[in-house]
């Protein structure tokens, strides 16, 4: 008997693996393969491919690719003493749910990697030839998948385990990219009293799968508050959000103000207004502020600060267009996920998405036009294609059959607005038959992320059922 997928997941949680920091977890997968005598390939980016021969008697069957990504969205509570570059996640359980104390859990997509490792580790599971693909930096533009050489892959079927809703299999997805809007300015030193304003406690979440749930974006809300703040001030700093594809749960700004600056009445009214307006989607929203002692602050010119705040409130954010064919499915959206002020200016990072390439191109032009009107420069990186629905898919039929036999229910096949690496893989290997599925995950890309343990167990059995019957 090999280790269980849950044992592997807990091992992965001890290894720092936020996006852009995946070398250690990539090396772990390589060491795992070498220790078991399995063929392994690690490329320069850190993508890992592990191959395992078929179970006896299944050598001539078409191969299966098991796929998940190694990186996680690394977000933590603002006041938590935690370093994602070195600290292990602090796992806790609450009834059926596994979570990480004060941080995101990384079950997106660590549980997929763990399940694939458990299949590779076992000599009792029946399966055809396997290729297990673990990609890097999926959460910041699918960078590993984009540059992955797939010329040596032989599998005909791919089981991508990067979905988060049990009972559903994703069979198509939207494409997207990462947009960075740079607002140039030079800050100058100003000796002044400070005012720190912080918006926290928002629900946040995934900007693809949860963009339609009407949750507040802290970057947009705080910019709107500052834009209407009465009295003269100079903007010194603005920081919010942690990932372009996560709805920003918090943001903070520092202002230089005169000693007689009065904002309490306005901010108290704004706090009450926001808590009433967002009580359903963001019940823990809070607005707090404090006066800072006089010091030398680096501040923007008044007009530069106003220009930045105006731009942040003019850029599109949230769902922009819904599908005509599929009720309640978002077809076009974007998310102002990150804002940070640096020496050269402000950097605003967004995640435009669309199921239709032409709609996404129009959205990119709109972002470009608005940015130019405010003296900003836009760059687009990490463009990834959508994943078109495959007609007459054997894998879709088989997955539906296995799910029906195991649960007595029908597997729901759906397209999603979020981006998946499947679009890149289907473009590189057009004949690949792919489905994406996964265990129930709640509030991914946030500190409230949690994994249903009972759902993970059912998903594991579903995976084994597909591997057993796919021939």
Protein backbone atom coordinates (compact mmCIF):
# COMPACT_ATOMS: atom_id res chain seq x y z
CA UNK A 1 0.00 0.00 0.00
CA UNK A 2 1.26 3.45 -0.88
CA UNK A 3 0.46 6.68 0.91
CA UNK A 4 -3.02 8.13 0.71
CA UNK A 5 -3.75 11.26 -1.29
CA UNK A 6 -4.50 13.09 1.98
CA UNK A 7 -1.07 12.17 3.35
CA UNK A 8 0.52 13.50 0.19
CA UNK A 9 -1.55 16.68 0.38
CA UNK A 10 -0.38 17.35 3.93
CA UNK A 11 3.23 16.86 2.79
CA UNK A 12 2.71 19.37 -0.02
CA UNK A 13 1.27 21.88 2.48
CA UNK A 14 4.57 21.82 4.35
CA UNK A 15 6.40 23.02 1.22
CA UNK A 16 6.09 26.73 0.29
CA UNK A 17 4.56 26.89 -3.19
CA UNK A 18 2.97 30.25 -3.88
CA UNK A 19 2.98 31.29 -7.53
CA UNK A 20 6.50 32.20 -8.59
CA UNK A 21 7.99 30.15 -5.77
CA UNK A 22 7.55 26.56 -6.96
CA UNK A 23 11.10 25.21 -7.22
CA UNK A 24 10.92 23.32 -3.92
CA UNK A 25 7.63 21.60 -4.70
CA UNK A 26 8.78 20.82 -8.25
CA UNK A 27 11.96 19.25 -6.88
CA UNK A 28 9.86 17.28 -4.39
CA UNK A 29 7.93 15.69 -7.29
CA UNK A 30 11.18 14.82 -9.07
CA UNK A 31 12.59 13.20 -5.91
CA UNK A 32 9.33 11.30 -5.47
CA UNK A 33 9.63 9.84 -8.98
CA UNK A 34 13.31 8.93 -8.70
CA UNK A 35 12.77 7.21 -5.35
CA UNK A 36 10.23 4.92 -7.04
CA UNK A 37 12.17 4.30 -10.24
CA UNK A 38 9.65 6.21 -12.39
CA UNK A 39 10.63 8.07 -15.54
CA UNK A 40 10.60 11.81 -14.87
CA UNK A 41 11.22 15.01 -16.84
CA UNK A 42 11.62 18.46 -15.28
CA UNK A 43 11.95 21.44 -17.61
CA UNK A 44 13.67 24.77 -16.99
CA UNK A 45 10.48 26.37 -15.66
CA UNK A 46 9.86 23.58 -13.16
CA UNK A 47 7.08 21.70 -14.97
CA UNK A 48 7.30 18.01 -14.09
CA UNK A 49 6.17 14.96 -16.10
CA UNK A 50 6.20 11.56 -14.38
CA UNK A 51 5.48 8.43 -16.39
CA UNK A 52 4.32 5.06 -15.11
CA UNK A 53 3.80 1.87 -17.12
CA UNK A 54 0.33 0.36 -17.34
CA UNK A 55 -0.94 -2.19 -14.85
CA UNK A 56 -0.39 -5.79 -16.05
CA UNK A 57 -2.66 -6.65 -18.97
CA UNK A 58 -3.37 -3.01 -19.92
CA UNK A 59 -0.14 -2.21 -21.75
CA UNK A 60 -1.79 -1.78 -25.17
CA UNK A 61 -4.48 0.65 -24.07
CA UNK A 62 -4.47 4.36 -24.89
CA UNK A 63 -2.64 6.37 -22.27
CA UNK A 64 -4.12 8.81 -19.76
CA UNK A 65 -2.63 12.13 -18.61
CA UNK A 66 -3.38 13.14 -15.02
CA UNK A 67 -2.87 16.87 -14.63
CA UNK A 68 -2.78 19.51 -11.92
CA UNK A 69 -0.77 22.65 -11.16
CA UNK A 70 1.87 23.04 -8.44
CA UNK A 71 1.36 26.67 -7.44
CA UNK A 72 -1.25 28.18 -5.14
CA UNK A 73 -2.67 31.65 -4.66
CA UNK A 74 -0.89 32.75 -1.48
CA UNK A 75 -3.10 35.10 0.53
CA UNK A 76 -3.21 35.67 4.29
CA UNK A 77 -5.08 37.72 6.83
CA UNK A 78 -3.51 41.23 6.99
CA UNK A 79 -2.37 40.96 10.62
CA UNK A 80 -1.13 37.35 10.48
CA UNK A 81 2.57 36.73 11.13
CA UNK A 82 3.19 34.33 8.26
CA UNK A 83 5.83 34.10 5.52
CA UNK A 84 4.72 32.19 2.40
CA UNK A 85 8.35 31.78 1.31
CA UNK A 86 9.27 29.59 4.26
CA UNK A 87 6.37 28.79 6.60
CA UNK A 88 4.31 25.58 6.31
CA UNK A 89 0.55 25.99 6.13
CA UNK A 90 -1.22 25.54 9.46
CA UNK A 91 -3.85 22.92 8.66
CA UNK A 92 -7.03 22.67 10.70
CA UNK A 93 -10.27 20.72 10.41
CA UNK A 94 -13.79 21.90 11.17
CA UNK A 95 -16.21 19.02 10.84
CA UNK A 96 -16.01 17.88 7.22
CA UNK A 97 -13.78 20.75 6.11
CA UNK A 98 -10.01 21.09 5.96
CA UNK A 99 -8.61 24.62 5.96
CA UNK A 100 -5.43 26.57 6.72
CA UNK A 101 -5.41 28.90 9.70
CA UNK A 102 -5.30 32.53 8.51
CA UNK A 103 -4.22 31.71 4.93
CA UNK A 104 -5.45 30.18 1.72
CA UNK A 105 -5.29 26.37 1.70
CA UNK A 106 -3.89 25.68 -1.76
CA UNK A 107 -6.21 22.72 -2.37
CA UNK A 108 -6.51 24.58 -5.65
CA UNK A 109 -4.67 22.68 -6.99
CA UNK A 110 -2.67 20.75 -4.41
CA UNK A 111 -5.35 18.10 -3.99
CA UNK A 112 -5.01 17.21 -7.70
CA UNK A 113 -1.25 16.81 -7.38
CA UNK A 114 -1.75 14.72 -4.23
CA UNK A 115 -4.22 12.39 -5.93
CA UNK A 116 -1.93 11.89 -8.92
CA UNK A 117 1.01 11.12 -6.60
CA UNK A 118 -1.15 8.58 -4.72
CA UNK A 119 -2.00 6.82 -8.00
CA UNK A 120 1.69 6.73 -8.92
CA UNK A 121 2.62 5.47 -5.46
CA UNK A 122 0.21 2.55 -5.47
CA UNK A 123 0.79 -0.87 -7.03
CA UNK A 124 -2.83 -1.92 -6.48
CA UNK A 125 -4.66 0.53 -8.75
CA UNK A 126 -5.67 -0.67 -12.23
CA UNK A 127 -4.74 1.89 -14.88
CA UNK A 128 -3.52 2.25 -18.48
CA UNK A 129 -0.14 3.90 -19.26
CA UNK A 130 0.07 7.11 -17.22
CA UNK A 131 1.66 10.50 -17.76
CA UNK A 132 1.28 12.77 -14.73
CA UNK A 133 1.79 16.42 -15.60
CA UNK A 134 2.39 19.01 -12.89
CA UNK A 135 2.64 22.57 -14.19
CA UNK A 136 3.93 25.75 -12.54
CA UNK A 137 2.56 29.29 -12.21
CA UNK A 138 -0.94 28.49 -13.40
CA UNK A 139 -2.40 31.15 -11.13
CA UNK A 140 -0.40 34.01 -12.67
CA UNK A 141 -1.11 33.37 -16.33
CA UNK A 142 -0.67 29.61 -16.85
CA UNK A 143 2.97 30.33 -17.58
CA UNK A 144 4.17 26.76 -17.16
CA UNK A 145 1.54 25.35 -19.51
CA UNK A 146 2.18 28.04 -22.12
CA UNK A 147 5.88 27.14 -22.49
CA UNK A 148 5.49 23.39 -21.94
CA UNK A 149 6.90 21.11 -24.64
CA UNK A 150 4.28 18.40 -25.21
CA UNK A 151 5.88 16.81 -28.27
CA UNK A 152 6.74 13.63 -26.34
CA UNK A 153 3.27 13.07 -24.85
CA UNK A 154 1.47 9.94 -26.00
CA UNK A 155 -1.71 9.96 -23.90
CA UNK A 156 -5.04 10.23 -25.68
CA UNK A 157 -7.10 11.26 -22.66
CA UNK A 158 -6.49 13.96 -20.05
CA UNK A 159 -8.05 14.13 -16.59
CA UNK A 160 -7.51 17.69 -15.40
CA UNK A 161 -8.37 17.92 -11.68
CA UNK A 162 -8.54 21.69 -11.33
CA UNK A 163 -12.29 22.12 -10.80
CA UNK A 164 -13.95 22.86 -7.49
CA UNK A 165 -17.53 21.59 -7.60
CA UNK A 166 -18.39 17.95 -7.15
CA UNK A 167 -20.98 16.49 -9.49
CA UNK A 168 -19.86 18.68 -12.38
CA UNK A 169 -17.34 18.05 -15.12
CA UNK A 170 -16.03 21.01 -17.06
CA UNK A 171 -15.78 20.42 -20.80
CA UNK A 172 -14.98 23.94 -22.05
CA UNK A 173 -13.67 27.21 -20.56
CA UNK A 174 -12.90 30.84 -21.25
CA UNK A 175 -9.60 32.26 -22.38
CA UNK A 176 -7.93 35.27 -20.85
CA UNK A 177 -4.75 37.19 -20.10
CA UNK A 178 -3.05 39.37 -17.49
CA UNK A 179 -3.23 43.13 -18.06
CA UNK A 180 -0.87 45.50 -16.23
CA UNK A 181 -1.73 49.20 -16.25
CA UNK A 182 1.22 51.40 -15.26
CA UNK A 183 0.51 54.97 -14.16
CA UNK A 184 3.79 56.91 -14.15
CA UNK A 185 4.51 59.69 -11.67
CA UNK A 186 7.28 60.86 -9.37
CA UNK A 187 6.67 61.16 -5.64
CA UNK A 188 8.21 63.97 -3.65
CA UNK A 189 8.97 64.26 0.06
CA UNK A 190 6.45 66.16 2.17
CA UNK A 191 6.59 66.64 5.95
CA UNK A 192 3.06 66.09 7.07
CA UNK A 193 0.63 64.36 9.35
CA UNK A 194 -0.65 61.10 7.88
CA UNK A 195 -4.03 59.39 7.60
CA UNK A 196 -4.18 55.62 7.07
CA UNK A 197 -7.47 54.25 5.70
CA UNK A 198 -7.99 50.50 5.46
CA UNK A 199 -10.85 48.50 3.95
CA UNK A 200 -10.82 44.88 5.13
CA UNK A 201 -12.98 41.83 5.75
CA UNK A 202 -14.33 41.47 2.23
CA UNK A 203 -15.15 37.95 1.08
CA UNK A 204 -12.89 37.96 -1.98
CA UNK A 205 -12.73 34.81 -4.10
CA UNK A 206 -11.90 33.59 -7.59
CA UNK A 207 -12.38 36.20 -10.29
CA UNK A 208 -13.62 33.57 -12.74
CA UNK A 209 -15.82 31.12 -10.87
CA UNK A 210 -17.13 33.69 -8.37
CA UNK A 211 -17.15 36.93 -10.36
CA UNK A 212 -20.93 36.63 -10.82
CA UNK A 213 -21.69 36.44 -7.08
CA UNK A 214 -21.73 40.22 -6.62
CA UNK A 215 -18.83 40.44 -4.18
CA UNK A 216 -17.14 43.77 -3.53
CA UNK A 217 -13.64 44.52 -4.81
CA UNK A 218 -11.64 46.37 -2.14
CA UNK A 219 -9.43 48.16 -4.68
CA UNK A 220 -12.40 49.67 -6.48
CA UNK A 221 -14.31 50.54 -3.31
CA UNK A 222 -11.39 52.25 -1.58
CA UNK A 223 -10.54 54.27 -4.69
CA UNK A 224 -14.15 55.41 -4.85
CA UNK A 225 -14.07 56.41 -1.17
CA UNK A 226 -10.87 58.43 -1.61
CA UNK A 227 -12.15 60.07 -4.78
CA UNK A 228 -15.05 61.57 -2.80
CA UNK A 229 -13.10 62.29 0.40
CA UNK A 230 -13.65 65.99 1.30
CA UNK A 231 -10.72 68.29 1.98
CA UNK A 232 -7.22 68.51 0.54
CA UNK A 233 -4.87 65.55 0.79
CA UNK A 234 -1.91 64.08 -1.04
CA UNK A 235 -1.88 60.37 -1.84
CA UNK A 236 1.25 58.65 -0.55
CA UNK A 237 0.49 54.95 -0.92
CA UNK A 238 -2.21 52.57 -2.11
CA UNK A 239 -1.98 48.76 -1.87
CA UNK A 240 -4.63 46.14 -2.33
CA UNK A 241 -5.16 42.58 -3.48
CA UNK A 242 -2.72 39.71 -3.89
CA UNK A 243 -3.46 38.16 -7.31
CA UNK A 244 -4.91 39.36 -10.59
CA UNK A 245 -7.41 36.48 -10.58
CA UNK A 246 -8.57 36.98 -6.98
CA UNK A 247 -11.25 39.51 -6.05
CA UNK A 248 -9.35 41.88 -3.74
CA UNK A 249 -10.48 41.31 -0.11
CA UNK A 250 -8.61 44.27 1.38
CA UNK A 251 -6.89 47.52 0.46
CA UNK A 252 -5.09 50.27 2.35
CA UNK A 253 -4.11 53.85 1.52
CA UNK A 254 -1.89 56.40 3.26
CA UNK A 255 -2.55 60.12 2.80
CA UNK A 256 -0.64 63.23 3.77
CA UNK A 257 -3.05 65.71 5.39
CA UNK A 258 -3.00 68.98 7.29
CA UNK A 259 -3.26 68.90 11.09
CA UNK A 260 -6.84 70.24 10.95
CA UNK A 261 -8.00 67.67 8.35
CA UNK A 262 -11.40 66.28 9.36
CA UNK A 263 -12.65 63.05 7.79
CA UNK A 264 -14.36 61.18 10.65
CA UNK A 265 -17.93 62.19 9.79
CA UNK A 266 -17.55 61.32 6.10
CA UNK A 267 -15.81 58.00 6.80
CA UNK A 268 -18.33 56.97 9.44
CA UNK A 269 -21.17 57.64 6.99
CA UNK A 270 -19.33 55.77 4.25
CA UNK A 271 -18.68 52.81 6.56
CA UNK A 272 -22.37 52.52 7.45
CA UNK A 273 -23.38 52.89 3.81
CA UNK A 274 -20.99 50.19 2.58
CA UNK A 275 -21.88 47.75 5.35
CA UNK A 276 -25.56 48.13 4.47
CA UNK A 277 -24.97 47.89 0.72
CA UNK A 278 -22.74 44.81 0.88
CA UNK A 279 -24.24 43.03 3.90
CA UNK A 280 -25.25 39.95 1.89
CA UNK A 281 -22.08 39.29 -0.13
CA UNK A 282 -19.50 40.81 2.26
CA UNK A 283 -20.93 40.66 5.79
CA UNK A 284 -17.55 41.20 7.46
CA UNK A 285 -16.65 44.38 5.56
CA UNK A 286 -15.12 47.04 7.76
CA UNK A 287 -13.59 50.47 7.16
CA UNK A 288 -11.01 51.70 9.67
CA UNK A 289 -8.75 54.75 9.81
CA UNK A 290 -6.12 56.24 12.06
CA UNK A 291 -4.09 59.44 12.25
CA UNK A 292 -0.35 59.00 11.83
CA UNK A 293 2.16 61.30 13.56
CA UNK A 294 3.92 63.95 11.52
CA UNK A 295 6.73 62.53 9.42
CA UNK A 296 8.32 62.87 6.01
CA UNK A 297 6.06 61.11 3.53
CA UNK A 298 6.67 60.45 -0.14
CA UNK A 299 3.58 61.80 -1.87
CA UNK A 300 2.21 62.21 -5.38
CA UNK A 301 1.36 65.59 -6.76
CA UNK A 302 -2.29 66.31 -6.07
CA UNK A 303 -3.25 65.97 -9.73
CA UNK A 304 -1.38 62.65 -10.04
CA UNK A 305 -3.21 61.19 -7.06
CA UNK A 306 -6.55 62.36 -8.44
CA UNK A 307 -5.66 60.91 -11.86
CA UNK A 308 -4.87 57.51 -10.33
CA UNK A 309 -8.10 57.36 -8.32
CA UNK A 310 -10.19 58.44 -11.31
CA UNK A 311 -8.57 55.77 -13.48
CA UNK A 312 -9.23 53.03 -10.90
CA UNK A 313 -12.93 53.93 -10.81
CA UNK A 314 -13.23 54.15 -14.61
CA UNK A 315 -11.60 50.83 -15.50
CA UNK A 316 -14.13 48.04 -16.09
CA UNK A 317 -14.50 45.54 -13.26
CA UNK A 318 -16.72 42.54 -12.62
CA UNK A 319 -19.09 40.73 -15.02
CA UNK A 320 -19.60 42.69 -18.24
CA UNK A 321 -21.61 40.31 -20.43
CA UNK A 322 -23.63 37.15 -19.84
CA UNK A 323 -24.09 34.15 -22.12
CA UNK A 324 -27.25 34.03 -24.18
CA UNK A 325 -27.19 30.22 -24.42
CA UNK A 326 -26.36 29.33 -20.80
CA UNK A 327 -28.38 31.13 -18.09
CA UNK A 328 -26.34 32.98 -15.44
CA UNK A 329 -23.01 32.12 -17.08
CA UNK A 330 -20.65 35.09 -17.41
CA UNK A 331 -19.24 35.45 -20.89
CA UNK A 332 -17.03 38.53 -20.42
CA UNK A 333 -15.46 40.02 -17.30
CA UNK A 334 -12.39 41.59 -15.79
CA UNK A 335 -11.03 42.03 -12.26
CA UNK A 336 -8.84 44.76 -10.74
CA UNK A 337 -6.96 42.24 -8.62
CA UNK A 338 -3.78 44.08 -7.56
CA UNK A 339 -2.83 47.70 -6.95
CA UNK A 340 0.54 48.78 -5.60
CA UNK A 341 2.46 52.05 -5.64
CA UNK A 342 6.20 51.88 -6.35
CA UNK A 343 8.98 54.38 -7.08
CA UNK A 344 8.12 54.58 -10.79
CA UNK A 345 4.37 54.94 -10.32
CA UNK A 346 1.28 52.84 -9.67
CA UNK A 347 0.80 49.33 -11.03
CA UNK A 348 -2.72 48.02 -11.57
CA UNK A 349 -3.06 44.35 -12.52
CA UNK A 350 -6.26 43.01 -14.10
CA UNK A 351 -7.58 39.69 -15.42
CA UNK A 352 -9.72 40.09 -18.58
CA UNK A 353 -11.62 36.90 -19.48
CA UNK A 354 -13.98 35.82 -22.22
CA UNK A 355 -15.26 32.65 -23.83
CA UNK A 356 -15.13 34.51 -27.15
CA UNK A 357 -11.76 35.71 -28.45
CA UNK A 358 -13.32 38.66 -30.26
CA UNK A 359 -15.01 39.93 -27.08
CA UNK A 360 -11.76 39.67 -25.17
CA UNK A 361 -9.95 41.66 -27.84
CA UNK A 362 -12.58 44.42 -27.64
CA UNK A 363 -12.21 44.51 -23.85
CA UNK A 364 -8.44 44.84 -24.17
CA UNK A 365 -8.95 47.79 -26.53
CA UNK A 366 -11.33 49.42 -24.03
CA UNK A 367 -8.82 49.03 -21.18
CA UNK A 368 -6.09 50.44 -23.43
CA UNK A 369 -8.23 53.44 -24.40
CA UNK A 370 -9.25 54.30 -20.83
CA UNK A 371 -5.68 53.95 -19.59
CA UNK A 372 -4.33 56.23 -22.31
CA UNK A 373 -6.89 58.89 -21.38
CA UNK A 374 -5.29 59.00 -17.92
CA UNK A 375 -1.68 58.95 -19.09
CA UNK A 376 -1.15 55.26 -18.31
CA UNK A 377 0.54 52.48 -20.30
CA UNK A 378 -0.92 48.98 -20.64
CA UNK A 379 0.84 45.68 -21.31
CA UNK A 380 -0.79 42.29 -21.81
CA UNK A 381 0.93 39.04 -20.90
CA UNK A 382 0.10 35.37 -20.47
CA UNK A 383 -2.56 35.18 -23.15
CA UNK A 384 -4.21 31.77 -23.01
CA UNK A 385 -6.82 30.30 -25.36
CA UNK A 386 -10.30 29.14 -24.57
CA UNK A 387 -11.11 25.43 -24.60
CA UNK A 388 -13.81 24.60 -27.15
CA UNK A 389 -16.42 21.93 -26.50
CA UNK A 390 -15.42 18.59 -28.07
CA UNK A 391 -18.20 16.80 -29.92
CA UNK A 392 -18.61 13.00 -29.57
CA UNK A 393 -16.25 12.79 -26.60
CA UNK A 394 -15.69 9.24 -25.38
CA UNK A 395 -14.27 10.59 -22.12
CA UNK A 396 -17.40 12.64 -21.40
CA UNK A 397 -19.59 9.57 -21.94
CA UNK A 398 -17.37 7.36 -19.76
CA UNK A 399 -17.18 9.89 -16.93
CA UNK A 400 -20.96 10.23 -16.98
CA UNK A 401 -21.34 6.44 -16.83
CA UNK A 402 -18.92 6.04 -13.91
CA UNK A 403 -20.54 8.86 -11.95
CA UNK A 404 -24.01 7.39 -12.51
CA UNK A 405 -22.88 3.94 -11.37
CA UNK A 406 -21.19 5.31 -8.24
CA UNK A 407 -23.79 7.85 -7.13
CA UNK A 408 -27.05 7.12 -8.92
CA UNK A 409 -26.99 10.71 -10.17
CA UNK A 410 -26.24 12.34 -13.49
CA UNK A 411 -22.90 14.09 -13.97
CA UNK A 412 -23.49 17.65 -15.12
CA UNK A 413 -21.28 18.68 -18.04
CA UNK A 414 -20.68 22.41 -18.17
CA UNK A 415 -18.59 25.23 -19.55
CA UNK A 416 -17.10 27.74 -17.10
CA UNK A 417 -16.01 31.35 -17.24
CA UNK A 418 -12.75 30.68 -15.42
CA UNK A 419 -9.60 29.87 -17.37
CA UNK A 420 -8.15 26.38 -17.29
CA UNK A 421 -4.90 25.05 -18.68
CA UNK A 422 -7.06 22.68 -20.75
CA UNK A 423 -7.37 25.38 -23.40
CA UNK A 424 -3.59 25.41 -23.85
CA UNK A 425 -3.32 21.63 -23.87
CA UNK A 426 -6.13 21.28 -26.41
CA UNK A 427 -4.37 23.78 -28.65
CA UNK A 428 -1.03 21.93 -28.38
CA UNK A 429 -2.62 18.48 -28.80
CA UNK A 430 -5.85 18.99 -30.80
CA UNK A 431 -6.87 15.31 -30.66
CA UNK A 432 -6.69 15.15 -26.87
CA UNK A 433 -9.98 14.23 -25.17
CA UNK A 434 -10.19 16.22 -21.90
CA UNK A 435 -12.48 16.66 -18.94
CA UNK A 436 -11.89 18.66 -15.77
CA UNK A 437 -13.33 17.71 -12.40
CA UNK A 438 -12.55 18.01 -8.71
CA UNK A 439 -13.70 17.86 -5.12
CA UNK A 440 -15.84 20.54 -3.46
CA UNK A 441 -13.73 23.60 -2.63
CA UNK A 442 -15.24 26.71 -1.10
CA UNK A 443 -13.94 30.30 -1.30
CA UNK A 444 -10.77 29.44 -3.21
CA UNK A 445 -8.11 32.15 -3.59
CA UNK A 446 -9.11 33.50 -0.17
CA UNK A 447 -8.27 32.93 3.48
CA UNK A 448 -11.65 31.18 3.83
CA UNK A 449 -10.70 28.45 1.35
CA UNK A 450 -11.67 24.97 2.53
CA UNK A 451 -11.86 21.44 1.19
CA UNK A 452 -14.68 19.01 1.88
CA UNK A 453 -12.99 15.79 3.01
CA UNK A 454 -16.00 13.61 2.21
CA UNK A 455 -16.19 15.13 -1.28
CA UNK A 456 -12.47 14.52 -1.79
CA UNK A 457 -12.98 10.85 -0.95
CA UNK A 458 -15.83 10.53 -3.47
CA UNK A 459 -13.73 12.34 -6.09
CA UNK A 460 -10.86 9.92 -5.46
CA UNK A 461 -13.18 6.96 -6.09
CA UNK A 462 -14.50 8.69 -9.22
CA UNK A 463 -10.92 9.06 -10.49
CA UNK A 464 -10.17 5.38 -9.82
CA UNK A 465 -13.41 4.37 -11.54
CA UNK A 466 -12.46 6.25 -14.70
CA UNK A 467 -8.94 4.78 -14.70
CA UNK A 468 -10.37 1.28 -14.29
CA UNK A 469 -12.92 1.51 -17.09
CA UNK A 470 -11.12 3.64 -19.68
CA UNK A 471 -9.92 1.12 -22.23
